[in-house]
Amino acid sequence: MEVRTCKNCGKLYNYIGKITPVCPICMKELEEKFEACRKYIKENPGANIQKVSEETGVTMKMLKQWVREERLTFAEGTLVGIECEACGANILTGRFCPKCKQNLTNRLTSVLKPEHGGDASGRSASARMRFLDE
């Protein structure tokens, strides 16, 4: 394990990878804030990101991060203030709008389809492993 300094409080803690970017105490506080935001959004479905920030005391930056991570989702028709990274459309959660997600999925699927003359793994017959006889 690696010892790091918490970015929030400045205390040392055992870093266990991407799971714990801050110390356990700050992580617990963040999770409590997340739950408060999630509860507020559920109870106030028309609330936008600005209103949630004001009412819960959580920064806009943190709320946007949770939305990008798809941990928070706002109600349909709410102006969240987060744009699709591909086309710029207003989105409620994630990094891409549904249309751009579908386009990316289609492009990835077409790239991964096996070519003619290949086996089930998508490799051609000439790309198979060969053994040399002695």
Protein backbone atom coordinates (compact mmCIF):
# COMPACT_ATOMS: atom_id res chain seq x y z
CA MET A 1 0.00 0.00 0.00
CA GLU A 2 1.00 3.55 -0.64
CA VAL A 3 0.64 6.45 1.81
CA ARG A 4 -0.82 9.67 0.41
CA THR A 5 -2.06 13.00 1.64
CA CYS A 6 -5.81 13.57 1.42
CA LYS A 7 -6.67 16.35 -1.03
CA ASN A 8 -9.61 17.44 1.12
CA CYS A 9 -8.29 17.49 4.69
CA GLY A 10 -4.51 17.09 4.31
CA LYS A 11 -4.24 13.98 6.54
CA LEU A 12 -2.16 10.94 5.58
CA TYR A 13 -3.99 7.76 4.60
CA ASN A 14 -3.33 4.38 2.96
CA TYR A 15 -4.05 4.76 -0.75
CA ILE A 16 -5.73 1.69 -2.25
CA GLY A 17 -5.97 2.82 -5.87
CA LYS A 18 -8.72 4.70 -7.66
CA ILE A 19 -11.28 3.47 -5.14
CA THR A 20 -10.03 5.88 -2.49
CA PRO A 21 -8.92 9.22 -3.97
CA VAL A 22 -9.36 10.79 -0.52
CA CYS A 23 -9.03 9.52 3.06
CA PRO A 24 -11.75 7.25 4.49
CA ILE A 25 -13.21 10.05 6.64
CA CYS A 26 -13.56 12.41 3.66
CA MET A 27 -14.86 9.54 1.50
CA LYS A 28 -17.60 8.89 4.05
CA GLU A 29 -18.51 12.61 4.06
CA LEU A 30 -18.64 12.62 0.24
CA GLU A 31 -20.94 9.60 0.22
CA GLU A 32 -23.23 11.28 2.75
CA LYS A 33 -23.35 14.40 0.55
CA PHE A 34 -24.05 12.22 -2.49
CA GLU A 35 -26.95 10.52 -0.71
CA ALA A 36 -28.33 13.93 0.34
CA CYS A 37 -28.19 15.11 -3.29
CA ARG A 38 -29.77 11.92 -4.59
CA LYS A 39 -32.58 12.23 -2.02
CA TYR A 40 -33.14 15.92 -2.87
CA ILE A 41 -33.36 15.17 -6.60
CA LYS A 42 -35.79 12.32 -5.95
CA GLU A 43 -38.01 14.54 -3.76
CA ASN A 44 -37.73 17.54 -6.13
CA PRO A 45 -37.72 16.06 -9.65
CA GLY A 46 -37.82 19.44 -11.42
CA ALA A 47 -34.78 20.84 -9.59
CA ASN A 48 -31.83 21.81 -11.75
CA ILE A 49 -28.17 21.44 -10.85
CA GLN A 50 -27.94 25.02 -9.53
CA LYS A 51 -30.87 24.49 -7.14
CA VAL A 52 -29.48 21.16 -5.92
CA SER A 53 -26.12 22.82 -5.24
CA GLU A 54 -27.73 25.67 -3.28
CA GLU A 55 -29.99 23.42 -1.22
CA THR A 56 -27.46 20.70 -0.38
CA GLY A 57 -24.26 22.75 -0.12
CA VAL A 58 -22.47 20.51 -2.64
CA THR A 59 -20.37 22.29 -5.25
CA MET A 60 -21.48 22.39 -8.87
CA LYS A 61 -18.17 20.77 -9.83
CA MET A 62 -18.88 17.75 -7.60
CA LEU A 63 -22.45 17.44 -8.87
CA LYS A 64 -21.25 17.55 -12.48
CA GLN A 65 -18.68 14.86 -11.72
CA TRP A 66 -21.38 12.59 -10.28
CA VAL A 67 -23.57 13.23 -13.33
CA ARG A 68 -20.68 12.41 -15.70
CA GLU A 69 -20.03 9.20 -13.70
CA GLU A 70 -23.74 8.39 -14.15
CA ARG A 71 -24.23 8.25 -10.39
CA LEU A 72 -26.80 11.08 -10.51
CA THR A 73 -29.60 11.46 -13.02
CA PHE A 74 -31.93 14.42 -13.34
CA ALA A 75 -35.58 14.28 -14.36
CA GLU A 76 -36.54 14.45 -18.03
CA GLY A 77 -36.94 18.04 -19.21
CA THR A 78 -34.61 19.49 -16.56
CA LEU A 79 -31.91 21.86 -17.79
CA VAL A 80 -28.87 20.37 -16.07
CA GLY A 81 -26.17 22.45 -17.73
CA ILE A 82 -24.11 19.47 -18.86
CA GLU A 83 -23.49 18.98 -22.55
CA CYS A 84 -22.80 15.90 -24.66
CA GLU A 85 -19.06 15.68 -25.33
CA ALA A 86 -19.69 14.80 -28.98
CA CYS A 87 -22.50 17.08 -30.18
CA GLY A 88 -23.09 19.59 -27.36
CA ALA A 89 -26.73 18.65 -26.68
CA ASN A 90 -28.07 19.05 -23.12
CA ILE A 91 -27.91 15.70 -21.27
CA LEU A 92 -29.28 14.45 -17.95
CA THR A 93 -26.51 12.00 -17.09
CA GLY A 94 -23.28 10.56 -18.46
CA ARG A 95 -20.92 11.99 -21.06
CA PHE A 96 -22.91 11.51 -24.26
CA CYS A 97 -26.50 12.00 -25.40
CA PRO A 98 -28.48 8.85 -26.35
CA LYS A 99 -28.02 9.53 -30.09
CA CYS A 100 -24.21 9.84 -29.80
CA LYS A 101 -24.06 6.76 -27.52
CA GLN A 102 -25.89 4.79 -30.21
CA ASN A 103 -23.56 6.11 -32.94
CA LEU A 104 -20.49 5.13 -30.88
CA THR A 105 -21.95 1.69 -30.22
CA ASN A 106 -22.67 1.16 -33.92
CA ARG A 107 -19.16 2.25 -34.91
CA LEU A 108 -17.52 -0.01 -32.32
CA THR A 109 -19.72 -2.94 -33.32
CA SER A 110 -18.85 -2.51 -37.00
CA VAL A 111 -15.13 -2.44 -36.18
CA LEU A 112 -15.36 -5.62 -34.10
CA LYS A 113 -17.38 -7.66 -36.64
CA PRO A 114 -15.42 -10.60 -38.06
CA GLU A 115 -14.20 -10.21 -41.62
CA HIS A 116 -14.96 -12.71 -44.38
CA GLY A 117 -12.77 -15.80 -44.19
CA GLY A 118 -12.06 -15.39 -40.49
CA ASP A 119 -12.93 -17.66 -37.61
CA ALA A 120 -15.34 -16.90 -34.73
CA SER A 121 -12.70 -14.83 -32.93
CA GLY A 122 -12.51 -12.38 -35.85
CA ARG A 123 -9.01 -13.42 -36.97
CA SER A 124 -8.31 -14.40 -40.53
CA ALA A 125 -6.93 -17.83 -41.36
CA SER A 126 -3.48 -16.36 -42.05
CA ALA A 127 -3.31 -14.84 -38.56
CA ARG A 128 -3.55 -18.16 -36.72
CA MET A 129 -0.75 -19.55 -34.58
CA ARG A 130 1.50 -22.05 -36.33
CA PHE A 131 3.86 -24.64 -34.90
CA LEU A 132 7.16 -25.64 -36.42
CA ASP A 133 7.86 -29.35 -36.84
CA GLU A 134 11.28 -30.53 -35.88
